[in-house]
């Protein structure tokens, strides 16, 4: 399957056109490609949180 590469060029800001463009792109991806993209973004966000010091250290919860 040959996927065309697209660039959205607008003369002025149009949120609806941007959203349609993003949804069309996501519809063109296979399920596996979307999962890979989601996993990559999750790893990226986690590493960024660790780098900025927002990740909590491992905690041991004691039940009473």
PDB file of N, CA and C in Angstrom:
ATOM      1  N   UNK A   1       0.834  -1.177   0.000  1.00  0.00           N
ATOM      2  CA  UNK A   1       0.000   0.000   0.000  1.00  0.00           C
ATOM      3  C   UNK A   1       0.883   1.246   0.000  1.00  0.00           C
ATOM      4  N   UNK A   2       0.749   2.059  -1.001  1.00  0.00           N
ATOM      5  CA  UNK A   2       1.561   3.266  -1.132  1.00  0.00           C
ATOM      6  C   UNK A   2       0.832   4.429  -0.475  1.00  0.00           C
ATOM      7  N   UNK A   3       1.465   4.986   0.537  1.00  0.00           N
ATOM      8  CA  UNK A   3       0.843   6.095   1.257  1.00  0.00           C
ATOM      9  C   UNK A   3       1.435   7.404   0.775  1.00  0.00           C
ATOM     10  N   UNK A   4       0.560   8.349   0.456  1.00  0.00           N
ATOM     11  CA  UNK A   4       1.054   9.657   0.057  1.00  0.00           C
ATOM     12  C   UNK A   4       1.363  10.476   1.292  1.00  0.00           C
ATOM     13  N   UNK A   5       2.419  11.252   1.210  1.00  0.00           N
ATOM     14  CA  UNK A   5       2.782  12.131   2.309  1.00  0.00           C
ATOM     15  C   UNK A   5       2.120  13.471   2.054  1.00  0.00           C
ATOM     16  N   UNK A   6       1.460  13.984   3.065  1.00  0.00           N
ATOM     17  CA  UNK A   6       0.713  15.231   2.923  1.00  0.00           C
ATOM     18  C   UNK A   6       1.165  16.257   3.948  1.00  0.00           C
ATOM     19  N   UNK A   7       1.018  17.477   3.550  1.00  0.00           N
ATOM     20  CA  UNK A   7       1.284  18.601   4.450  1.00  0.00           C
ATOM     21  C   UNK A   7       0.071  19.514   4.385  1.00  0.00           C
ATOM     22  N   UNK A   8      -0.430  19.884   5.551  1.00  0.00           N
ATOM     23  CA  UNK A   8      -1.570  20.789   5.612  1.00  0.00           C
ATOM     24  C   UNK A   8      -1.054  22.221   5.577  1.00  0.00           C
ATOM     25  N   UNK A   9      -1.454  22.973   4.558  1.00  0.00           N
ATOM     26  CA  UNK A   9      -1.049  24.378   4.436  1.00  0.00           C
ATOM     27  C   UNK A   9      -2.306  25.233   4.392  1.00  0.00           C
ATOM     28  N   UNK A  10      -2.480  26.050   5.412  1.00  0.00           N
ATOM     29  CA  UNK A  10      -3.642  26.923   5.505  1.00  0.00           C
ATOM     30  C   UNK A  10      -3.189  28.374   5.547  1.00  0.00           C
ATOM     31  N   UNK A  11      -3.967  29.236   4.906  1.00  0.00           N
ATOM     32  CA  UNK A  11      -3.617  30.657   4.938  1.00  0.00           C
ATOM     33  C   UNK A  11      -3.953  31.281   6.298  1.00  0.00           C
ATOM     34  N   UNK A  12      -4.951  30.695   6.973  1.00  0.00           N
ATOM     35  CA  UNK A  12      -5.286  31.153   8.323  1.00  0.00           C
ATOM     36  C   UNK A  12      -5.690  29.953   9.161  1.00  0.00           C
ATOM     37  N   UNK A  13      -5.684  30.123  10.463  1.00  0.00           N
ATOM     38  CA  UNK A  13      -5.978  29.040  11.403  1.00  0.00           C
ATOM     39  C   UNK A  13      -7.410  28.533  11.217  1.00  0.00           C
ATOM     40  N   UNK A  14      -7.545  27.204  11.034  1.00  0.00           N
ATOM     41  CA  UNK A  14      -8.864  26.583  10.923  1.00  0.00           C
ATOM     42  C   UNK A  14      -8.813  25.247  11.662  1.00  0.00           C
ATOM     43  N   UNK A  15      -9.330  25.248  12.874  1.00  0.00           N
ATOM     44  CA  UNK A  15      -9.261  24.070  13.731  1.00  0.00           C
ATOM     45  C   UNK A  15      -9.984  22.871  13.130  1.00  0.00           C
ATOM     46  N   UNK A  16     -11.114  23.096  12.472  1.00  0.00           N
ATOM     47  CA  UNK A  16     -11.863  21.995  11.866  1.00  0.00           C
ATOM     48  C   UNK A  16     -11.077  21.314  10.752  1.00  0.00           C
ATOM     49  N   UNK A  17     -10.412  22.103   9.916  1.00  0.00           N
ATOM     50  CA  UNK A  17      -9.608  21.522   8.839  1.00  0.00           C
ATOM     51  C   UNK A  17      -8.410  20.764   9.399  1.00  0.00           C
ATOM     52  N   UNK A  18      -7.820  21.279  10.471  1.00  0.00           N
ATOM     53  CA  UNK A  18      -6.699  20.595  11.113  1.00  0.00           C
ATOM     54  C   UNK A  18      -7.148  19.248  11.676  1.00  0.00           C
ATOM     55  N   UNK A  19      -8.297  19.239  12.325  1.00  0.00           N
ATOM     56  CA  UNK A  19      -8.830  18.008  12.889  1.00  0.00           C
ATOM     57  C   UNK A  19      -9.140  16.993  11.788  1.00  0.00           C
ATOM     58  N   UNK A  20      -9.776  17.424  10.716  1.00  0.00           N
ATOM     59  CA  UNK A  20     -10.071  16.531   9.594  1.00  0.00           C
ATOM     60  C   UNK A  20      -8.794  15.956   8.986  1.00  0.00           C
ATOM     61  N   UNK A  21      -7.766  16.790   8.868  1.00  0.00           N
ATOM     62  CA  UNK A  21      -6.482  16.350   8.334  1.00  0.00           C
ATOM     63  C   UNK A  21      -5.879  15.261   9.218  1.00  0.00           C
ATOM     64  N   UNK A  22      -5.886  15.485  10.541  1.00  0.00           N
ATOM     65  CA  UNK A  22      -5.347  14.498  11.481  1.00  0.00           C
ATOM     66  C   UNK A  22      -6.126  13.191  11.435  1.00  0.00           C
ATOM     67  N   UNK A  23      -7.457  13.285  11.396  1.00  0.00           N
ATOM     68  CA  UNK A  23      -8.279  12.073  11.356  1.00  0.00           C
ATOM     69  C   UNK A  23      -8.072  11.296  10.064  1.00  0.00           C
ATOM     70  N   UNK A  24      -7.924  11.989   8.962  1.00  0.00           N
ATOM     71  CA  UNK A  24      -7.664  11.326   7.683  1.00  0.00           C
ATOM     72  C   UNK A  24      -6.330  10.588   7.725  1.00  0.00           C
ATOM     73  N   UNK A  25      -5.335  11.218   8.328  1.00  0.00           N
ATOM     74  CA  UNK A  25      -4.031  10.571   8.471  1.00  0.00           C
ATOM     75  C   UNK A  25      -4.160   9.307   9.319  1.00  0.00           C
ATOM     76  N   UNK A  26      -4.842   9.402  10.453  1.00  0.00           N
ATOM     77  CA  UNK A  26      -4.994   8.239  11.330  1.00  0.00           C
ATOM     78  C   UNK A  26      -5.785   7.119  10.656  1.00  0.00           C
ATOM     79  N   UNK A  27      -6.775   7.484   9.835  1.00  0.00           N
ATOM     80  CA  UNK A  27      -7.538   6.470   9.103  1.00  0.00           C
ATOM     81  C   UNK A  27      -6.673   5.748   8.082  1.00  0.00           C
ATOM     82  N   UNK A  28      -5.632   6.396   7.586  1.00  0.00           N
ATOM     83  CA  UNK A  28      -4.772   5.779   6.583  1.00  0.00           C
ATOM     84  C   UNK A  28      -3.805   4.765   7.195  1.00  0.00           C
ATOM     85  N   UNK A  29      -3.640   4.794   8.521  1.00  0.00           N
ATOM     86  CA  UNK A  29      -2.719   3.874   9.186  1.00  0.00           C
ATOM     87  C   UNK A  29      -3.382   2.538   9.479  1.00  0.00           C
ATOM     88  N   UNK A  30      -2.571   1.480   9.525  1.00  0.00           N
ATOM     89  CA  UNK A  30      -3.085   0.175   9.932  1.00  0.00           C
ATOM     90  C   UNK A  30      -3.177   0.156  11.453  1.00  0.00           C
ATOM     91  N   UNK A  31      -3.842  -0.843  11.982  1.00  0.00           N
ATOM     92  CA  UNK A  31      -3.994  -0.989  13.421  1.00  0.00           C
ATOM     93  C   UNK A  31      -2.629  -1.112  14.093  1.00  0.00           C
ATOM     94  N   UNK A  32      -1.726  -1.901  13.507  1.00  0.00           N
ATOM     95  CA  UNK A  32      -0.392  -2.098  14.070  1.00  0.00           C
ATOM     96  C   UNK A  32       0.406  -0.793  14.066  1.00  0.00           C
ATOM     97  N   UNK A  33       0.282  -0.011  13.017  1.00  0.00           N
ATOM     98  CA  UNK A  33       0.980   1.274  12.955  1.00  0.00           C
ATOM     99  C   UNK A  33       0.480   2.233  14.029  1.00  0.00           C
ATOM    100  N   UNK A  34      -0.838   2.220  14.271  1.00  0.00           N
ATOM    101  CA  UNK A  34      -1.385   3.080  15.329  1.00  0.00           C
ATOM    102  C   UNK A  34      -0.910   2.630  16.699  1.00  0.00           C
ATOM    103  N   UNK A  35      -0.848   1.303  16.927  1.00  0.00           N
ATOM    104  CA  UNK A  35      -0.347   0.791  18.204  1.00  0.00           C
ATOM    105  C   UNK A  35       1.116   1.163  18.400  1.00  0.00           C
ATOM    106  N   UNK A  36       1.919   1.004  17.361  1.00  0.00           N
ATOM    107  CA  UNK A  36       3.332   1.369  17.450  1.00  0.00           C
ATOM    108  C   UNK A  36       3.495   2.851  17.762  1.00  0.00           C
ATOM    109  N   UNK A  37       2.682   3.677  17.126  1.00  0.00           N
ATOM    110  CA  UNK A  37       2.743   5.118  17.351  1.00  0.00           C
ATOM    111  C   UNK A  37       2.364   5.446  18.800  1.00  0.00           C
ATOM    112  N   UNK A  38       1.348   4.761  19.317  1.00  0.00           N
ATOM    113  CA  UNK A  38       0.910   4.980  20.692  1.00  0.00           C
ATOM    114  C   UNK A  38       1.990   4.548  21.686  1.00  0.00           C
ATOM    115  N   UNK A  39       2.604   3.386  21.443  1.00  0.00           N
ATOM    116  CA  UNK A  39       3.664   2.909  22.339  1.00  0.00           C
ATOM    117  C   UNK A  39       4.865   3.844  22.325  1.00  0.00           C
ATOM    118  N   UNK A  40       5.239   4.299  21.142  1.00  0.00           N
ATOM    119  CA  UNK A  40       6.378   5.212  21.015  1.00  0.00           C
ATOM    120  C   UNK A  40       6.107   6.508  21.780  1.00  0.00           C
ATOM    121  N   UNK A  41       4.899   7.048  21.640  1.00  0.00           N
ATOM    122  CA  UNK A  41       4.542   8.289  22.321  1.00  0.00           C
ATOM    123  C   UNK A  41       4.508   8.079  23.835  1.00  0.00           C
ATOM    124  N   UNK A  42       4.030   6.914  24.290  1.00  0.00           N
ATOM    125  CA  UNK A  42       3.996   6.620  25.728  1.00  0.00           C
ATOM    126  C   UNK A  42       5.405   6.565  26.297  1.00  0.00           C
ATOM    127  N   UNK A  43       6.330   5.902  25.594  1.00  0.00           N
ATOM    128  CA  UNK A  43       7.723   5.845  26.050  1.00  0.00           C
ATOM    129  C   UNK A  43       8.339   7.239  26.079  1.00  0.00           C
ATOM    130  N   UNK A  44       8.022   8.034  25.060  1.00  0.00           N
ATOM    131  CA  UNK A  44       8.546   9.401  24.988  1.00  0.00           C
ATOM    132  C   UNK A  44       8.050  10.240  26.157  1.00  0.00           C
ATOM    133  N   UNK A  45       6.760  10.123  26.472  1.00  0.00           N
ATOM    134  CA  UNK A  45       6.185  10.889  27.585  1.00  0.00           C
ATOM    135  C   UNK A  45       6.772  10.435  28.918  1.00  0.00           C
ATOM    136  N   UNK A  46       6.953   9.128  29.111  1.00  0.00           N
ATOM    137  CA  UNK A  46       7.523   8.612  30.348  1.00  0.00           C
ATOM    138  C   UNK A  46       8.951   9.098  30.534  1.00  0.00           C
ATOM    139  N   UNK A  47       9.750   9.038  29.465  1.00  0.00           N
ATOM    140  CA  UNK A  47      11.133   9.494  29.592  1.00  0.00           C
ATOM    141  C   UNK A  47      11.188  10.994  29.884  1.00  0.00           C
ATOM    142  N   UNK A  48      10.276  11.745  29.309  1.00  0.00           N
ATOM    143  CA  UNK A  48      10.232  13.179  29.569  1.00  0.00           C
ATOM    144  C   UNK A  48       9.839  13.461  31.021  1.00  0.00           C
ATOM    145  N   UNK A  49       8.881  12.697  31.538  1.00  0.00           N
ATOM    146  CA  UNK A  49       8.475  12.881  32.936  1.00  0.00           C
ATOM    147  C   UNK A  49       9.624  12.551  33.890  1.00  0.00           C
ATOM    148  N   UNK A  50      10.350  11.453  33.608  1.00  0.00           N
ATOM    149  CA  UNK A  50      11.484  11.073  34.448  1.00  0.00           C
ATOM    150  C   UNK A  50      12.554  12.155  34.385  1.00  0.00           C
ATOM    151  N   UNK A  51      12.821  12.651  33.187  1.00  0.00           N
ATOM    152  CA  UNK A  51      13.843  13.692  32.989  1.00  0.00           C
ATOM    153  C   UNK A  51      13.496  14.963  33.763  1.00  0.00           C
ATOM    154  N   UNK A  52      12.210  15.308  33.814  1.00  0.00           N
ATOM    155  CA  UNK A  52      11.779  16.527  34.496  1.00  0.00           C
ATOM    156  C   UNK A  52      11.485  16.313  35.981  1.00  0.00           C
ATOM    157  N   UNK A  53      11.596  15.060  36.451  1.00  0.00           N
ATOM    158  CA  UNK A  53      11.441  14.775  37.873  1.00  0.00           C
ATOM    159  C   UNK A  53      10.011  14.613  38.348  1.00  0.00           C
ATOM    160  N   UNK A  54       9.078  14.327  37.443  1.00  0.00           N
ATOM    161  CA  UNK A  54       7.679  14.193  37.850  1.00  0.00           C
ATOM    162  C   UNK A  54       7.255  12.766  38.151  1.00  0.00           C
ATOM    163  N   UNK A  55       8.106  11.801  37.904  1.00  0.00           N
ATOM    164  CA  UNK A  55       7.716  10.417  38.160  1.00  0.00           C
ATOM    165  C   UNK A  55       7.964  10.077  39.624  1.00  0.00           C
ATOM    166  N   UNK A  56       6.963   9.482  40.268  1.00  0.00           N
ATOM    167  CA  UNK A  56       7.098   9.089  41.663  1.00  0.00           C
ATOM    168  C   UNK A  56       7.994   7.855  41.758  1.00  0.00           C
ATOM    169  N   UNK A  57       8.801   7.758  42.797  1.00  0.00           N
ATOM    170  CA  UNK A  57       9.586   6.535  42.992  1.00  0.00           C
ATOM    171  C   UNK A  57       8.664   5.383  43.398  1.00  0.00           C
ATOM    172  N   UNK A  58       9.158   4.191  43.258  1.00  0.00           N
ATOM    173  CA  UNK A  58       8.393   3.007  43.618  1.00  0.00           C
ATOM    174  C   UNK A  58       8.023   3.069  45.095  1.00  0.00           C
ATOM    175  N   UNK A  59       6.774   2.769  45.370  1.00  0.00           N
ATOM    176  CA  UNK A  59       6.307   2.817  46.761  1.00  0.00           C
ATOM    177  C   UNK A  59       5.805   1.448  47.186  1.00  0.00           C
ATOM    178  N   UNK A  60       6.059   1.113  48.433  1.00  0.00           N
ATOM    179  CA  UNK A  60       5.523  -0.119  48.996  1.00  0.00           C
ATOM    180  C   UNK A  60       4.338   0.277  49.860  1.00  0.00           C
ATOM    181  N   UNK A  61       3.172  -0.298  49.535  1.00  0.00           N
ATOM    182  CA  UNK A  61       1.953   0.025  50.281  1.00  0.00           C
ATOM    183  C   UNK A  61       1.712  -1.082  51.280  1.00  0.00           C
ATOM    184  N   UNK A  62       1.583  -0.702  52.529  1.00  0.00           N
ATOM    185  CA  UNK A  62       1.363  -1.662  53.601  1.00  0.00           C
ATOM    186  C   UNK A  62      -0.114  -1.716  53.934  1.00  0.00           C
ATOM    187  N   UNK A  63      -0.647  -2.903  53.866  1.00  0.00           N
ATOM    188  CA  UNK A  63      -2.062  -3.077  54.217  1.00  0.00           C
ATOM    189  C   UNK A  63      -2.190  -3.316  55.701  1.00  0.00           C
ATOM    190  N   UNK A  64      -3.239  -2.760  56.292  1.00  0.00           N
ATOM    191  CA  UNK A  64      -3.422  -2.965  57.717  1.00  0.00           C
ATOM    192  C   UNK A  64      -4.636  -3.788  57.996  1.00  0.00           C
TER     193      UNK A  64
END
